[in-house]
Amino acid sequence: MENPRKNVILTSNGDEISLNIARHLLQRGCRLVLMGNDGELRPAAENMEASLNSRCHAVEVVGLDMKQEKAAVFYEAVAEAKRILGTLDAFVNCYSYEGKFCIPFLRVRPRVPKYN
């Protein structure tokens, strides 16, 4: 018989929207691994478990620094999450990092002389 509990990886930078998605998944009985800033996600995970009246201990946190912009860091974090969960049913990306900020190119274009 198949286990109805789903295993989910959720990336988050600790914003309210992603944490409420995580809370909703926990309330529905999912096992959850939060990936992102460990310092922000661990207290949020403890708060979620406490608010569910200890009905489950189904949330874990895997630290991930997306600002490094290296695929190897992300692959290692996903491998750690898969080791915790065993199997993976869903991956939810709520991390809203857009990369390094680029200042618009504000160079004045040189005037081209007009020839008649």
C-alpha atoms as a PDB file:
ATOM      1  CA  MET A   1       0.000   0.000   0.000  1.00  0.00           C
ATOM      2  CA  GLU A   2       1.294   3.439  -0.955  1.00  0.00           C
ATOM      3  CA  ASN A   3       2.030   6.039   1.716  1.00  0.00           C
ATOM      4  CA  PRO A   4      -0.356   9.010   1.225  1.00  0.00           C
ATOM      5  CA  ARG A   5       2.062  11.449   2.855  1.00  0.00           C
ATOM      6  CA  LYS A   6       3.851  13.511   0.200  1.00  0.00           C
ATOM      7  CA  ASN A   7       7.484  14.600   0.395  1.00  0.00           C
ATOM      8  CA  VAL A   8       8.097  18.173  -0.705  1.00  0.00           C
ATOM      9  CA  ILE A   9      11.164  20.412  -1.107  1.00  0.00           C
ATOM     10  CA  LEU A  10      10.328  24.109  -0.838  1.00  0.00           C
ATOM     11  CA  THR A  11      12.890  26.834  -1.523  1.00  0.00           C
ATOM     12  CA  SER A  12      12.318  30.030   0.427  1.00  0.00           C
ATOM     13  CA  ASN A  13      14.028  33.250   1.391  1.00  0.00           C
ATOM     14  CA  GLY A  14      11.841  33.573   4.484  1.00  0.00           C
ATOM     15  CA  ASP A  15       9.106  35.782   3.045  1.00  0.00           C
ATOM     16  CA  GLU A  16       5.536  35.484   4.278  1.00  0.00           C
ATOM     17  CA  ILE A  17       4.128  34.015   1.082  1.00  0.00           C
ATOM     18  CA  SER A  18       6.540  31.079   0.921  1.00  0.00           C
ATOM     19  CA  LEU A  19       6.220  30.396   4.652  1.00  0.00           C
ATOM     20  CA  ASN A  20       2.422  30.351   4.386  1.00  0.00           C
ATOM     21  CA  ILE A  21       2.679  27.902   1.469  1.00  0.00           C
ATOM     22  CA  ALA A  22       4.905  25.744   3.694  1.00  0.00           C
ATOM     23  CA  ARG A  23       2.418  25.984   6.567  1.00  0.00           C
ATOM     24  CA  HIS A  24      -0.423  24.964   4.235  1.00  0.00           C
ATOM     25  CA  LEU A  25       1.538  21.936   3.001  1.00  0.00           C
ATOM     26  CA  LEU A  26       2.267  20.876   6.598  1.00  0.00           C
ATOM     27  CA  GLN A  27      -1.390  21.206   7.551  1.00  0.00           C
ATOM     28  CA  ARG A  28      -2.230  18.882   4.655  1.00  0.00           C
ATOM     29  CA  GLY A  29       0.160  16.243   6.003  1.00  0.00           C
ATOM     30  CA  CYS A  30       3.197  16.714   3.780  1.00  0.00           C
ATOM     31  CA  ARG A  31       6.746  16.067   4.931  1.00  0.00           C
ATOM     32  CA  LEU A  32       8.669  19.208   4.112  1.00  0.00           C
ATOM     33  CA  VAL A  33      12.263  20.308   3.647  1.00  0.00           C
ATOM     34  CA  LEU A  34      12.772  24.062   3.552  1.00  0.00           C
ATOM     35  CA  MET A  35      15.825  25.170   1.588  1.00  0.00           C
ATOM     36  CA  GLY A  36      17.251  28.666   1.903  1.00  0.00           C
ATOM     37  CA  ASN A  37      18.747  30.944   4.534  1.00  0.00           C
ATOM     38  CA  ASP A  38      19.164  28.675   7.548  1.00  0.00           C
ATOM     39  CA  GLY A  39      19.048  31.558  10.024  1.00  0.00           C
ATOM     40  CA  GLU A  40      15.621  32.700   8.850  1.00  0.00           C
ATOM     41  CA  LEU A  41      14.027  29.340   8.062  1.00  0.00           C
ATOM     42  CA  ARG A  42      14.903  27.378  11.211  1.00  0.00           C
ATOM     43  CA  PRO A  43      12.931  29.660  13.597  1.00  0.00           C
ATOM     44  CA  ALA A  44      10.054  29.712  11.095  1.00  0.00           C
ATOM     45  CA  ALA A  45      10.063  25.898  10.932  1.00  0.00           C
ATOM     46  CA  GLU A  46      10.022  25.650  14.733  1.00  0.00           C
ATOM     47  CA  ASN A  47       7.166  28.142  14.839  1.00  0.00           C
ATOM     48  CA  MET A  48       5.193  26.108  12.284  1.00  0.00           C
ATOM     49  CA  GLU A  49       5.644  22.893  14.245  1.00  0.00           C
ATOM     50  CA  ALA A  50       4.625  24.641  17.474  1.00  0.00           C
ATOM     51  CA  SER A  51       1.499  26.109  15.884  1.00  0.00           C
ATOM     52  CA  LEU A  52       0.431  22.653  14.688  1.00  0.00           C
ATOM     53  CA  ASN A  53       0.375  21.507  18.347  1.00  0.00           C
ATOM     54  CA  SER A  54       3.144  18.947  17.808  1.00  0.00           C
ATOM     55  CA  ARG A  55       0.910  16.890  15.516  1.00  0.00           C
ATOM     56  CA  CYS A  56       3.887  16.360  13.273  1.00  0.00           C
ATOM     57  CA  HIS A  57       7.633  16.723  13.164  1.00  0.00           C
ATOM     58  CA  ALA A  58       7.676  16.808   9.421  1.00  0.00           C
ATOM     59  CA  VAL A  59       9.689  19.912   8.634  1.00  0.00           C
ATOM     60  CA  GLU A  60      13.458  20.073   8.230  1.00  0.00           C
ATOM     61  CA  VAL A  61      15.726  22.900   7.090  1.00  0.00           C
ATOM     62  CA  VAL A  62      18.652  22.636   4.684  1.00  0.00           C
ATOM     63  CA  GLY A  63      20.844  25.728   4.441  1.00  0.00           C
ATOM     64  CA  LEU A  64      21.340  27.102   0.943  1.00  0.00           C
ATOM     65  CA  ASP A  65      23.041  30.316  -0.166  1.00  0.00           C
ATOM     66  CA  MET A  66      21.591  31.135  -3.579  1.00  0.00           C
ATOM     67  CA  LYS A  67      23.717  34.271  -3.806  1.00  0.00           C
ATOM     68  CA  GLN A  68      26.768  32.135  -4.570  1.00  0.00           C
ATOM     69  CA  GLU A  69      25.211  31.475  -7.995  1.00  0.00           C
ATOM     70  CA  LYS A  70      26.907  28.079  -8.300  1.00  0.00           C
ATOM     71  CA  ALA A  71      24.976  25.060  -9.486  1.00  0.00           C
ATOM     72  CA  ALA A  72      27.065  22.699  -7.335  1.00  0.00           C
ATOM     73  CA  VAL A  73      25.831  24.378  -4.136  1.00  0.00           C
ATOM     74  CA  PHE A  74      22.228  23.903  -5.214  1.00  0.00           C
ATOM     75  CA  TYR A  75      22.787  20.264  -6.256  1.00  0.00           C
ATOM     76  CA  GLU A  76      24.358  19.465  -2.874  1.00  0.00           C
ATOM     77  CA  ALA A  77      21.412  21.012  -1.024  1.00  0.00           C
ATOM     78  CA  VAL A  78      18.896  19.051  -3.125  1.00  0.00           C
ATOM     79  CA  ALA A  79      20.869  15.840  -2.516  1.00  0.00           C
ATOM     80  CA  GLU A  80      20.762  16.514   1.248  1.00  0.00           C
ATOM     81  CA  ALA A  81      17.002  17.161   1.088  1.00  0.00           C
ATOM     82  CA  LYS A  82      16.449  13.943  -0.872  1.00  0.00           C
ATOM     83  CA  ARG A  83      18.536  12.064   1.718  1.00  0.00           C
ATOM     84  CA  ILE A  84      16.259  13.412   4.467  1.00  0.00           C
ATOM     85  CA  LEU A  85      13.015  12.677   2.625  1.00  0.00           C
ATOM     86  CA  GLY A  86      13.946   9.441   0.873  1.00  0.00           C
ATOM     87  CA  THR A  87      11.703  10.005  -2.121  1.00  0.00           C
ATOM     88  CA  LEU A  88      10.583  13.277  -3.645  1.00  0.00           C
ATOM     89  CA  ASP A  89       7.027  14.026  -4.766  1.00  0.00           C
ATOM     90  CA  ALA A  90       7.194  17.772  -5.407  1.00  0.00           C
ATOM     91  CA  PHE A  91       9.601  20.683  -5.696  1.00  0.00           C
ATOM     92  CA  VAL A  92       8.184  24.156  -4.969  1.00  0.00           C
ATOM     93  CA  ASN A  93      10.379  27.142  -5.832  1.00  0.00           C
ATOM     94  CA  CYS A  94       9.451  30.224  -3.802  1.00  0.00           C
ATOM     95  CA  TYR A  95      12.918  31.748  -3.623  1.00  0.00           C
ATOM     96  CA  SER A  96      12.843  35.218  -5.147  1.00  0.00           C
ATOM     97  CA  TYR A  97      16.504  35.990  -5.763  1.00  0.00           C
ATOM     98  CA  GLU A  98      17.052  37.656  -9.131  1.00  0.00           C
ATOM     99  CA  GLY A  99      20.808  37.706  -9.258  1.00  0.00           C
ATOM    100  CA  LYS A 100      23.192  40.598  -8.993  1.00  0.00           C
ATOM    101  CA  PHE A 101      21.668  44.007  -9.528  1.00  0.00           C
ATOM    102  CA  CYS A 102      22.890  45.663 -12.706  1.00  0.00           C
ATOM    103  CA  ILE A 103      22.966  49.419 -12.936  1.00  0.00           C
ATOM    104  CA  PRO A 104      21.448  50.590 -16.208  1.00  0.00           C
ATOM    105  CA  PHE A 105      23.920  51.626 -18.800  1.00  0.00           C
ATOM    106  CA  LEU A 106      23.723  55.422 -18.586  1.00  0.00           C
ATOM    107  CA  ARG A 107      26.417  56.347 -21.050  1.00  0.00           C
ATOM    108  CA  VAL A 108      25.568  59.259 -23.281  1.00  0.00           C
ATOM    109  CA  ARG A 109      25.823  58.277 -26.892  1.00  0.00           C
ATOM    110  CA  PRO A 110      28.263  60.401 -28.883  1.00  0.00           C
ATOM    111  CA  ARG A 111      26.741  62.672 -31.424  1.00  0.00           C
ATOM    112  CA  VAL A 112      27.232  61.547 -34.962  1.00  0.00           C
ATOM    113  CA  PRO A 113      28.078  64.431 -37.242  1.00  0.00           C
ATOM    114  CA  LYS A 114      25.559  65.000 -39.997  1.00  0.00           C
ATOM    115  CA  TYR A 115      26.912  65.265 -43.509  1.00  0.00           C
ATOM    116  CA  ASN A 116      24.903  66.989 -46.190  1.00  0.00           C
END
